[in-house]
């Protein structure tokens, strides 16, 4: 990564929520699901 934090990454992706686990290399981001105001796409 180029000097990147989870918070700045979430902002760059327009994420509405993030999920991280201590020690895990994977972070999940909830992103708007096109055409559905009540649904989201999970990006890992």
ModelCIF file with pLDDT and N, C-alpha, C, O atoms, coordinates in Angstrom:
data_MODEL
#
_entry.id   MODEL 
#
_entity.id                         1 
_entity.type                       polymer 
_entity.pdbx_number_of_molecules   1 
#
_entity_poly.entity_id                      1 
_entity_poly.type                           'polypeptide(L)' 
_entity_poly.nstd_linkage                   no 
_entity_poly.nstd_monomer                   no 
_entity_poly.pdbx_seq_one_letter_code       
;(UNK)(UNK)(UNK)(UNK)(UNK)(UNK)(UNK)(UNK)(UNK)(UNK)(UNK)(UNK)(UNK)(UNK)(UNK)(UNK)
(UNK)(UNK)(UNK)(UNK)(UNK)(UNK)(UNK)(UNK)(UNK)(UNK)(UNK)(UNK)(UNK)(UNK)(UNK)(UNK)
(UNK)(UNK)(UNK)(UNK)(UNK)(UNK)(UNK)(UNK)(UNK)(UNK)(UNK)(UNK)
;
_entity_poly.pdbx_seq_one_letter_code_can   XXXXXXXXXXXXXXXXXXXXXXXXXXXXXXXXXXXXXXXXXXXX 
_entity_poly.pdbx_strand_id                 A 
#
loop_
_entity_poly_seq.entity_id 
_entity_poly_seq.num 
_entity_poly_seq.mon_id 
_entity_poly_seq.hetero 
1 1  UNK n 
1 2  UNK n 
1 3  UNK n 
1 4  UNK n 
1 5  UNK n 
1 6  UNK n 
1 7  UNK n 
1 8  UNK n 
1 9  UNK n 
1 10 UNK n 
1 11 UNK n 
1 12 UNK n 
1 13 UNK n 
1 14 UNK n 
1 15 UNK n 
1 16 UNK n 
1 17 UNK n 
1 18 UNK n 
1 19 UNK n 
1 20 UNK n 
1 21 UNK n 
1 22 UNK n 
1 23 UNK n 
1 24 UNK n 
1 25 UNK n 
1 26 UNK n 
1 27 UNK n 
1 28 UNK n 
1 29 UNK n 
1 30 UNK n 
1 31 UNK n 
1 32 UNK n 
1 33 UNK n 
1 34 UNK n 
1 35 UNK n 
1 36 UNK n 
1 37 UNK n 
1 38 UNK n 
1 39 UNK n 
1 40 UNK n 
1 41 UNK n 
1 42 UNK n 
1 43 UNK n 
1 44 UNK n 
#
_struct_asym.id          A 
_struct_asym.entity_id   1 
#
loop_
_ma_qa_metric.id 
_ma_qa_metric.mode 
_ma_qa_metric.name 
_ma_qa_metric.software_group_id 
_ma_qa_metric.type 
1 global pLDDT . pLDDT 
2 local  pLDDT . pLDDT 
#
_ma_qa_metric_global.metric_id      1 
_ma_qa_metric_global.metric_value   92.16 
_ma_qa_metric_global.model_id       1 
_ma_qa_metric_global.ordinal_id     1 
#
loop_
_ma_qa_metric_local.label_asym_id 
_ma_qa_metric_local.label_comp_id 
_ma_qa_metric_local.label_seq_id 
_ma_qa_metric_local.metric_id 
_ma_qa_metric_local.metric_value 
_ma_qa_metric_local.model_id 
_ma_qa_metric_local.ordinal_id 
A UNK 1  2 93.00 1 1  
A UNK 2  2 89.00 1 2  
A UNK 3  2 78.00 1 3  
A UNK 4  2 78.00 1 4  
A UNK 5  2 82.00 1 5  
A UNK 6  2 82.00 1 6  
A UNK 7  2 86.00 1 7  
A UNK 8  2 87.00 1 8  
A UNK 9  2 92.00 1 9  
A UNK 10 2 92.00 1 10 
A UNK 11 2 92.00 1 11 
A UNK 12 2 92.00 1 12 
A UNK 13 2 94.00 1 13 
A UNK 14 2 94.00 1 14 
A UNK 15 2 96.00 1 15 
A UNK 16 2 95.00 1 16 
A UNK 17 2 95.00 1 17 
A UNK 18 2 95.00 1 18 
A UNK 19 2 94.00 1 19 
A UNK 20 2 90.00 1 20 
A UNK 21 2 86.00 1 21 
A UNK 22 2 86.00 1 22 
A UNK 23 2 87.00 1 23 
A UNK 24 2 90.00 1 24 
A UNK 25 2 93.00 1 25 
A UNK 26 2 95.00 1 26 
A UNK 27 2 94.00 1 27 
A UNK 28 2 96.00 1 28 
A UNK 29 2 96.00 1 29 
A UNK 30 2 97.00 1 30 
A UNK 31 2 97.00 1 31 
A UNK 32 2 96.00 1 32 
A UNK 33 2 97.00 1 33 
A UNK 34 2 96.00 1 34 
A UNK 35 2 94.00 1 35 
A UNK 36 2 94.00 1 36 
A UNK 37 2 92.00 1 37 
A UNK 38 2 92.00 1 38 
A UNK 39 2 96.00 1 39 
A UNK 40 2 97.00 1 40 
A UNK 41 2 97.00 1 41 
A UNK 42 2 97.00 1 42 
A UNK 43 2 97.00 1 43 
A UNK 44 2 97.00 1 44 
#
loop_
_atom_site.group_PDB 
_atom_site.id 
_atom_site.type_symbol 
_atom_site.label_atom_id 
_atom_site.label_alt_id 
_atom_site.label_comp_id 
_atom_site.label_asym_id 
_atom_site.label_entity_id 
_atom_site.label_seq_id 
_atom_site.pdbx_PDB_ins_code 
_atom_site.Cartn_x 
_atom_site.Cartn_y 
_atom_site.Cartn_z 
_atom_site.occupancy 
_atom_site.B_iso_or_equiv 
_atom_site.pdbx_formal_charge 
_atom_site.auth_seq_id 
_atom_site.auth_comp_id 
_atom_site.auth_asym_id 
_atom_site.auth_atom_id 
_atom_site.pdbx_PDB_model_num 
ATOM 1   N N  . UNK A 1 1  ? 0.832   -1.224  0.000  1.00 93.00 ? 1  UNK A N  1 
ATOM 2   C CA . UNK A 1 1  ? 0.000   0.000   0.000  1.00 93.00 ? 1  UNK A CA 1 
ATOM 3   C C  . UNK A 1 1  ? 0.852   1.254   0.000  1.00 93.00 ? 1  UNK A C  1 
ATOM 4   O O  . UNK A 1 1  ? 1.964   1.270   0.528  1.00 93.00 ? 1  UNK A O  1 
ATOM 5   N N  . UNK A 1 2  ? 0.318   2.293   -0.596 1.00 89.00 ? 2  UNK A N  1 
ATOM 6   C CA . UNK A 1 2  ? 1.026   3.580   -0.682 1.00 89.00 ? 2  UNK A CA 1 
ATOM 7   C C  . UNK A 1 2  ? 0.534   4.497   0.432  1.00 89.00 ? 2  UNK A C  1 
ATOM 8   O O  . UNK A 1 2  ? -0.259  5.408   0.194  1.00 89.00 ? 2  UNK A O  1 
ATOM 9   N N  . UNK A 1 3  ? 1.016   4.244   1.659  1.00 78.00 ? 3  UNK A N  1 
ATOM 10  C CA . UNK A 1 3  ? 0.667   5.067   2.831  1.00 78.00 ? 3  UNK A CA 1 
ATOM 11  C C  . UNK A 1 3  ? -0.847  5.183   2.974  1.00 78.00 ? 3  UNK A C  1 
ATOM 12  O O  . UNK A 1 3  ? -1.403  6.279   2.912  1.00 78.00 ? 3  UNK A O  1 
ATOM 13  N N  . UNK A 1 4  ? -1.497  4.056   3.163  1.00 78.00 ? 4  UNK A N  1 
ATOM 14  C CA . UNK A 1 4  ? -2.953  4.012   3.147  1.00 78.00 ? 4  UNK A CA 1 
ATOM 15  C C  . UNK A 1 4  ? -3.469  3.427   4.454  1.00 78.00 ? 4  UNK A C  1 
ATOM 16  O O  . UNK A 1 4  ? -2.923  2.441   4.949  1.00 78.00 ? 4  UNK A O  1 
ATOM 17  N N  . UNK A 1 5  ? -4.523  4.030   5.022  1.00 82.00 ? 5  UNK A N  1 
ATOM 18  C CA . UNK A 1 5  ? -5.179  3.487   6.208  1.00 82.00 ? 5  UNK A CA 1 
ATOM 19  C C  . UNK A 1 5  ? -6.546  2.941   5.808  1.00 82.00 ? 5  UNK A C  1 
ATOM 20  O O  . UNK A 1 5  ? -7.050  3.236   4.725  1.00 82.00 ? 5  UNK A O  1 
ATOM 21  N N  . UNK A 1 6  ? -7.139  2.141   6.693  1.00 82.00 ? 6  UNK A N  1 
ATOM 22  C CA . UNK A 1 6  ? -8.474  1.590   6.417  1.00 82.00 ? 6  UNK A CA 1 
ATOM 23  C C  . UNK A 1 6  ? -9.490  2.707   6.248  1.00 82.00 ? 6  UNK A C  1 
ATOM 24  O O  . UNK A 1 6  ? -10.399 2.604   5.424  1.00 82.00 ? 6  UNK A O  1 
ATOM 25  N N  . UNK A 1 7  ? -9.341  3.773   7.024  1.00 86.00 ? 7  UNK A N  1 
ATOM 26  C CA . UNK A 1 7  ? -10.284 4.889   6.956  1.00 86.00 ? 7  UNK A CA 1 
ATOM 27  C C  . UNK A 1 7  ? -10.205 5.607   5.610  1.00 86.00 ? 7  UNK A C  1 
ATOM 28  O O  . UNK A 1 7  ? -11.234 5.906   5.005  1.00 86.00 ? 7  UNK A O  1 
ATOM 29  N N  . UNK A 1 8  ? -8.993  5.882   5.143  1.00 87.00 ? 8  UNK A N  1 
ATOM 30  C CA . UNK A 1 8  ? -8.862  6.577   3.853  1.00 87.00 ? 8  UNK A CA 1 
ATOM 31  C C  . UNK A 1 8  ? -9.282  5.663   2.705  1.00 87.00 ? 8  UNK A C  1 
ATOM 32  O O  . UNK A 1 8  ? -9.812  6.129   1.696  1.00 87.00 ? 8  UNK A O  1 
ATOM 33  N N  . UNK A 1 9  ? -9.043  4.368   2.861  1.00 92.00 ? 9  UNK A N  1 
ATOM 34  C CA . UNK A 1 9  ? -9.468  3.422   1.832  1.00 92.00 ? 9  UNK A CA 1 
ATOM 35  C C  . UNK A 1 9  ? -10.994 3.375   1.760  1.00 92.00 ? 9  UNK A C  1 
ATOM 36  O O  . UNK A 1 9  ? -11.567 3.364   0.670  1.00 92.00 ? 9  UNK A O  1 
ATOM 37  N N  . UNK A 1 10 ? -11.650 3.349   2.924  1.00 92.00 ? 10 UNK A N  1 
ATOM 38  C CA . UNK A 1 10 ? -13.109 3.347   2.947  1.00 92.00 ? 10 UNK A CA 1 
ATOM 39  C C  . UNK A 1 10 ? -13.667 4.594   2.273  1.00 92.00 ? 10 UNK A C  1 
ATOM 40  O O  . UNK A 1 10 ? -14.668 4.527   1.560  1.00 92.00 ? 10 UNK A O  1 
ATOM 41  N N  . UNK A 1 11 ? -13.024 5.715   2.496  1.00 92.00 ? 11 UNK A N  1 
ATOM 42  C CA . UNK A 1 11 ? -13.468 6.967   1.877  1.00 92.00 ? 11 UNK A CA 1 
ATOM 43  C C  . UNK A 1 11 ? -13.293 6.916   0.366  1.00 92.00 ? 11 UNK A C  1 
ATOM 44  O O  . UNK A 1 11 ? -14.168 7.356   -0.379 1.00 92.00 ? 11 UNK A O  1 
ATOM 45  N N  . UNK A 1 12 ? -12.160 6.377   -0.089 1.00 92.00 ? 12 UNK A N  1 
ATOM 46  C CA . UNK A 1 12 ? -11.896 6.292   -1.522 1.00 92.00 ? 12 UNK A CA 1 
ATOM 47  C C  . UNK A 1 12 ? -12.911 5.398   -2.225 1.00 92.00 ? 12 UNK A C  1 
ATOM 48  O O  . UNK A 1 12 ? -13.240 5.615   -3.391 1.00 92.00 ? 12 UNK A O  1 
ATOM 49  N N  . UNK A 1 13 ? -13.407 4.384   -1.500 1.00 94.00 ? 13 UNK A N  1 
ATOM 50  C CA . UNK A 1 13 ? -14.366 3.440   -2.076 1.00 94.00 ? 13 UNK A CA 1 
ATOM 51  C C  . UNK A 1 13 ? -15.818 3.861   -1.864 1.00 94.00 ? 13 UNK A C  1 
ATOM 52  O O  . UNK A 1 13 ? -16.731 3.231   -2.399 1.00 94.00 ? 13 UNK A O  1 
ATOM 53  N N  . UNK A 1 14 ? -16.036 4.926   -1.085 1.00 94.00 ? 14 UNK A N  1 
ATOM 54  C CA . UNK A 1 14 ? -17.391 5.369   -0.712 1.00 94.00 ? 14 UNK A CA 1 
ATOM 55  C C  . UNK A 1 14 ? -18.123 4.282   0.075  1.00 94.00 ? 14 UNK A C  1 
ATOM 56  O O  . UNK A 1 14 ? -19.316 4.051   -0.123 1.00 94.00 ? 14 UNK A O  1 
ATOM 57  N N  . UNK A 1 15 ? -17.390 3.619   0.971  1.00 96.00 ? 15 UNK A N  1 
ATOM 58  C CA . UNK A 1 15 ? -17.963 2.552   1.777  1.00 96.00 ? 15 UNK A CA 1 
ATOM 59  C C  . UNK A 1 15 ? -18.854 3.118   2.872  1.00 96.00 ? 15 UNK A C  1 
ATOM 60  O O  . UNK A 1 15 ? -18.549 4.161   3.451  1.00 96.00 ? 15 UNK A O  1 
ATOM 61  N N  . UNK A 1 16 ? -19.955 2.429   3.157  1.00 95.00 ? 16 UNK A N  1 
ATOM 62  C CA . UNK A 1 16 ? -20.855 2.856   4.232  1.00 95.00 ? 16 UNK A CA 1 
ATOM 63  C C  . UNK A 1 16 ? -20.497 2.179   5.551  1.00 95.00 ? 16 UNK A C  1 
ATOM 64  O O  . UNK A 1 16 ? -20.892 2.644   6.620  1.00 95.00 ? 16 UNK A O  1 
ATOM 65  N N  . UNK A 1 17 ? -19.744 1.077   5.472  1.00 95.00 ? 17 UNK A N  1 
ATOM 66  C CA . UNK A 1 17 ? -19.332 0.380   6.676  1.00 95.00 ? 17 UNK A CA 1 
ATOM 67  C C  . UNK A 1 17 ? -18.105 -0.478  6.364  1.00 95.00 ? 17 UNK A C  1 
ATOM 68  O O  . UNK A 1 17 ? -17.936 -0.950  5.240  1.00 95.00 ? 17 UNK A O  1 
ATOM 69  N N  . UNK A 1 18 ? -17.251 -0.675  7.371  1.00 95.00 ? 18 UNK A N  1 
ATOM 70  C CA . UNK A 1 18 ? -16.090 -1.544  7.218  1.00 95.00 ? 18 UNK A CA 1 
ATOM 71  C C  . UNK A 1 18 ? -16.112 -2.624  8.294  1.00 95.00 ? 18 UNK A C  1 
ATOM 72  O O  . UNK A 1 18 ? -16.720 -2.457  9.352  1.00 95.00 ? 18 UNK A O  1 
ATOM 73  N N  . UNK A 1 19 ? -15.443 -3.723  8.005  1.00 94.00 ? 19 UNK A N  1 
ATOM 74  C CA . UNK A 1 19 ? -15.335 -4.817  8.965  1.00 94.00 ? 19 UNK A CA 1 
ATOM 75  C C  . UNK A 1 19 ? -13.902 -5.338  8.934  1.00 94.00 ? 19 UNK A C  1 
ATOM 76  O O  . UNK A 1 19 ? -13.438 -5.828  7.905  1.00 94.00 ? 19 UNK A O  1 
ATOM 77  N N  . UNK A 1 20 ? -13.210 -5.233  10.053 1.00 90.00 ? 20 UNK A N  1 
ATOM 78  C CA . UNK A 1 20 ? -11.850 -5.726  10.157 1.00 90.00 ? 20 UNK A CA 1 
ATOM 79  C C  . UNK A 1 20 ? -11.722 -6.582  11.414 1.00 90.00 ? 20 UNK A C  1 
ATOM 80  O O  . UNK A 1 20 ? -12.412 -6.355  12.408 1.00 90.00 ? 20 UNK A O  1 
ATOM 81  N N  . UNK A 1 21 ? -10.838 -7.557  11.355 1.00 86.00 ? 21 UNK A N  1 
ATOM 82  C CA . UNK A 1 21 ? -10.556 -8.419  12.496 1.00 86.00 ? 21 UNK A CA 1 
ATOM 83  C C  . UNK A 1 21 ? -9.084  -8.287  12.839 1.00 86.00 ? 21 UNK A C  1 
ATOM 84  O O  . UNK A 1 21 ? -8.228  -8.370  11.959 1.00 86.00 ? 21 UNK A O  1 
ATOM 85  N N  . UNK A 1 22 ? -8.788  -8.082  14.109 1.00 86.00 ? 22 UNK A N  1 
ATOM 86  C CA . UNK A 1 22 ? -7.406  -7.911  14.537 1.00 86.00 ? 22 UNK A CA 1 
ATOM 87  C C  . UNK A 1 22 ? -6.557  -9.094  14.093 1.00 86.00 ? 22 UNK A C  1 
ATOM 88  O O  . UNK A 1 22 ? -6.901  -10.248 14.347 1.00 86.00 ? 22 UNK A O  1 
ATOM 89  N N  . UNK A 1 23 ? -5.450  -8.799  13.432 1.00 87.00 ? 23 UNK A N  1 
ATOM 90  C CA . UNK A 1 23 ? -4.543  -9.838  12.978 1.00 87.00 ? 23 UNK A CA 1 
ATOM 91  C C  . UNK A 1 23 ? -4.874  -10.432 11.628 1.00 87.00 ? 23 UNK A C  1 
ATOM 92  O O  . UNK A 1 23 ? -4.066  -11.169 11.062 1.00 87.00 ? 23 UNK A O  1 
ATOM 93  N N  . UNK A 1 24 ? -6.057  -10.121 11.095 1.00 90.00 ? 24 UNK A N  1 
ATOM 94  C CA . UNK A 1 24 ? -6.446  -10.660 9.797  1.00 90.00 ? 24 UNK A CA 1 
ATOM 95  C C  . UNK A 1 24 ? -5.966  -9.752  8.669  1.00 90.00 ? 24 UNK A C  1 
ATOM 96  O O  . UNK A 1 24 ? -6.045  -8.530  8.793  1.00 90.00 ? 24 UNK A O  1 
ATOM 97  N N  . UNK A 1 25 ? -5.472  -10.321 7.576  1.00 93.00 ? 25 UNK A N  1 
ATOM 98  C CA . UNK A 1 25 ? -5.031  -9.493  6.444  1.00 93.00 ? 25 UNK A CA 1 
ATOM 99  C C  . UNK A 1 25 ? -6.176  -9.031  5.555  1.00 93.00 ? 25 UNK A C  1 
ATOM 100 O O  . UNK A 1 25 ? -5.949  -8.306  4.587  1.00 93.00 ? 25 UNK A O  1 
ATOM 101 N N  . UNK A 1 26 ? -7.417  -9.445  5.872  1.00 95.00 ? 26 UNK A N  1 
ATOM 102 C CA . UNK A 1 26 ? -8.563  -9.114  5.031  1.00 95.00 ? 26 UNK A CA 1 
ATOM 103 C C  . UNK A 1 26 ? -9.475  -8.096  5.699  1.00 95.00 ? 26 UNK A C  1 
ATOM 104 O O  . UNK A 1 26 ? -9.841  -8.245  6.865  1.00 95.00 ? 26 UNK A O  1 
ATOM 105 N N  . UNK A 1 27 ? -9.837  -7.059  4.950  1.00 94.00 ? 27 UNK A N  1 
ATOM 106 C CA . UNK A 1 27 ? -10.806 -6.065  5.398  1.00 94.00 ? 27 UNK A CA 1 
ATOM 107 C C  . UNK A 1 27 ? -12.002 -6.093  4.450  1.00 94.00 ? 27 UNK A C  1 
ATOM 108 O O  . UNK A 1 27 ? -11.840 -6.206  3.235  1.00 94.00 ? 27 UNK A O  1 
ATOM 109 N N  . UNK A 1 28 ? -13.201 -5.989  5.019  1.00 96.00 ? 28 UNK A N  1 
ATOM 110 C CA . UNK A 1 28 ? -14.423 -6.013  4.214  1.00 96.00 ? 28 UNK A CA 1 
ATOM 111 C C  . UNK A 1 28 ? -15.064 -4.630  4.209  1.00 96.00 ? 28 UNK A C  1 
ATOM 112 O O  . UNK A 1 28 ? -15.040 -3.918  5.213  1.00 96.00 ? 28 UNK A O  1 
ATOM 113 N N  . UNK A 1 29 ? -15.633 -4.262  3.071  1.00 96.00 ? 29 UNK A N  1 
ATOM 114 C CA . UNK A 1 29 ? -16.257 -2.954  2.904  1.00 96.00 ? 29 UNK A CA 1 
ATOM 115 C C  . UNK A 1 29 ? -17.654 -3.137  2.322  1.00 96.00 ? 29 UNK A C  1 
ATOM 116 O O  . UNK A 1 29 ? -17.837 -3.863  1.345  1.00 96.00 ? 29 UNK A O  1 
ATOM 117 N N  . UNK A 1 30 ? -18.636 -2.474  2.926  1.00 97.00 ? 30 UNK A N  1 
ATOM 118 C CA . UNK A 1 30 ? -20.005 -2.486  2.409  1.00 97.00 ? 30 UNK A CA 1 
ATOM 119 C C  . UNK A 1 30 ? -20.176 -1.284  1.495  1.00 97.00 ? 30 UNK A C  1 
ATOM 120 O O  . UNK A 1 30 ? -20.033 -0.141  1.928  1.00 97.00 ? 30 UNK A O  1 
ATOM 121 N N  . UNK A 1 31 ? -20.480 -1.542  0.242  1.00 97.00 ? 31 UNK A N  1 
ATOM 122 C CA . UNK A 1 31 ? -20.574 -0.497  -0.774 1.00 97.00 ? 31 UNK A CA 1 
ATOM 123 C C  . UNK A 1 31 ? -21.978 -0.489  -1.367 1.00 97.00 ? 31 UNK A C  1 
ATOM 124 O O  . UNK A 1 31 ? -22.634 -1.530  -1.410 1.00 97.00 ? 31 UNK A O  1 
ATOM 125 N N  . UNK A 1 32 ? -22.447 0.665   -1.823 1.00 96.00 ? 32 UNK A N  1 
ATOM 126 C CA . UNK A 1 32 ? -23.820 0.750   -2.343 1.00 96.00 ? 32 UNK A CA 1 
ATOM 127 C C  . UNK A 1 32 ? -24.072 -0.241  -3.475 1.00 96.00 ? 32 UNK A C  1 
ATOM 128 O O  . UNK A 1 32 ? -23.261 -0.380  -4.391 1.00 96.00 ? 32 UNK A O  1 
ATOM 129 N N  . UNK A 1 33 ? -25.209 -0.924  -3.395 1.00 97.00 ? 33 UNK A N  1 
ATOM 130 C CA . UNK A 1 33 ? -25.627 -1.853  -4.447 1.00 97.00 ? 33 UNK A CA 1 
ATOM 131 C C  . UNK A 1 33 ? -26.391 -1.045  -5.496 1.00 97.00 ? 33 UNK A C  1 
ATOM 132 O O  . UNK A 1 33 ? -27.417 -0.452  -5.163 1.00 97.00 ? 33 UNK A O  1 
ATOM 133 N N  . UNK A 1 34 ? -25.935 -0.997  -6.738 1.00 96.00 ? 34 UNK A N  1 
ATOM 134 C CA . UNK A 1 34 ? -26.572 -0.155  -7.755 1.00 96.00 ? 34 UNK A CA 1 
ATOM 135 C C  . UNK A 1 34 ? -28.064 -0.423  -7.897 1.00 96.00 ? 34 UNK A C  1 
ATOM 136 O O  . UNK A 1 34 ? -28.489 -1.564  -8.079 1.00 96.00 ? 34 UNK A O  1 
ATOM 137 N N  . UNK A 1 35 ? -28.847 0.639   -7.811 1.00 94.00 ? 35 UNK A N  1 
ATOM 138 C CA . UNK A 1 35 ? -30.284 0.539   -8.029 1.00 94.00 ? 35 UNK A CA 1 
ATOM 139 C C  . UNK A 1 35 ? -31.082 0.076   -6.838 1.00 94.00 ? 35 UNK A C  1 
ATOM 140 O O  . UNK A 1 35 ? -32.301 -0.065  -6.938 1.00 94.00 ? 35 UNK A O  1 
ATOM 141 N N  . UNK A 1 36 ? -30.427 -0.171  -5.693 1.00 94.00 ? 36 UNK A N  1 
ATOM 142 C CA . UNK A 1 36 ? -31.146 -0.632  -4.505 1.00 94.00 ? 36 UNK A CA 1 
ATOM 143 C C  . UNK A 1 36 ? -30.670 0.155   -3.287 1.00 94.00 ? 36 UNK A C  1 
ATOM 144 O O  . UNK A 1 36 ? -29.534 0.003   -2.839 1.00 94.00 ? 36 UNK A O  1 
ATOM 145 N N  . UNK A 1 37 ? -31.548 0.989   -2.764 1.00 92.00 ? 37 UNK A N  1 
ATOM 146 C CA . UNK A 1 37 ? -31.163 1.860   -1.657 1.00 92.00 ? 37 UNK A CA 1 
ATOM 147 C C  . UNK A 1 37 ? -30.943 1.100   -0.352 1.00 92.00 ? 37 UNK A C  1 
ATOM 148 O O  . UNK A 1 37 ? -30.240 1.583   0.535  1.00 92.00 ? 37 UNK A O  1 
ATOM 149 N N  . UNK A 1 38 ? -31.541 -0.091  -0.230 1.00 92.00 ? 38 UNK A N  1 
ATOM 150 C CA . UNK A 1 38 ? -31.475 -0.847  1.025  1.00 92.00 ? 38 UNK A CA 1 
ATOM 151 C C  . UNK A 1 38 ? -30.508 -2.020  0.967  1.00 92.00 ? 38 UNK A C  1 
ATOM 152 O O  . UNK A 1 38 ? -30.540 -2.887  1.840  1.00 92.00 ? 38 UNK A O  1 
ATOM 153 N N  . UNK A 1 39 ? -29.643 -2.063  -0.056 1.00 96.00 ? 39 UNK A N  1 
ATOM 154 C CA . UNK A 1 39 ? -28.760 -3.220  -0.231 1.00 96.00 ? 39 UNK A CA 1 
ATOM 155 C C  . UNK A 1 39 ? -27.340 -2.756  -0.510 1.00 96.00 ? 39 UNK A C  1 
ATOM 156 O O  . UNK A 1 39 ? -27.101 -1.630  -0.946 1.00 96.00 ? 39 UNK A O  1 
ATOM 157 N N  . UNK A 1 40 ? -26.390 -3.678  -0.240 1.00 97.00 ? 40 UNK A N  1 
ATOM 158 C CA . UNK A 1 40 ? -24.974 -3.330  -0.350 1.00 97.00 ? 40 UNK A CA 1 
ATOM 159 C C  . UNK A 1 40 ? -24.183 -4.485  -0.967 1.00 97.00 ? 40 UNK A C  1 
ATOM 160 O O  . UNK A 1 40 ? -24.588 -5.646  -0.917 1.00 97.00 ? 40 UNK A O  1 
ATOM 161 N N  . UNK A 1 41 ? -23.058 -4.126  -1.542 1.00 97.00 ? 41 UNK A N  1 
ATOM 162 C CA . UNK A 1 41 ? -22.123 -5.096  -2.102 1.00 97.00 ? 41 UNK A CA 1 
ATOM 163 C C  . UNK A 1 41 ? -20.951 -5.237  -1.133 1.00 97.00 ? 41 UNK A C  1 
ATOM 164 O O  . UNK A 1 41 ? -20.416 -4.236  -0.655 1.00 97.00 ? 41 UNK A O  1 
ATOM 165 N N  . UNK A 1 42 ? -20.554 -6.466  -0.845 1.00 97.00 ? 42 UNK A N  1 
ATOM 166 C CA . UNK A 1 42 ? -19.396 -6.685  0.031  1.00 97.00 ? 42 UNK A CA 1 
ATOM 167 C C  . UNK A 1 42 ? -18.132 -6.823  -0.807 1.00 97.00 ? 42 UNK A C  1 
ATOM 168 O O  . UNK A 1 42 ? -18.039 -7.690  -1.676 1.00 97.00 ? 42 UNK A O  1 
ATOM 169 N N  . UNK A 1 43 ? -17.167 -5.961  -0.534 1.00 97.00 ? 43 UNK A N  1 
ATOM 170 C CA . UNK A 1 43 ? -15.857 -6.017  -1.175 1.00 97.00 ? 43 UNK A CA 1 
ATOM 171 C C  . UNK A 1 43 ? -14.833 -6.436  -0.134 1.00 97.00 ? 43 UNK A C  1 
ATOM 172 O O  . UNK A 1 43 ? -14.669 -5.756  0.879  1.00 97.00 ? 43 UNK A O  1 
ATOM 173 N N  . UNK A 1 44 ? -14.142 -7.548  -0.369 1.00 97.00 ? 44 UNK A N  1 
ATOM 174 C CA . UNK A 1 44 ? -13.090 -8.029  0.528  1.00 97.00 ? 44 UNK A CA 1 
ATOM 175 C C  . UNK A 1 44 ? -11.728 -7.716  -0.077 1.00 97.00 ? 44 UNK A C  1 
ATOM 176 O O  . UNK A 1 44 ? -10.700 -8.037  0.519  1.00 97.00 ? 44 UNK A O  1 
#
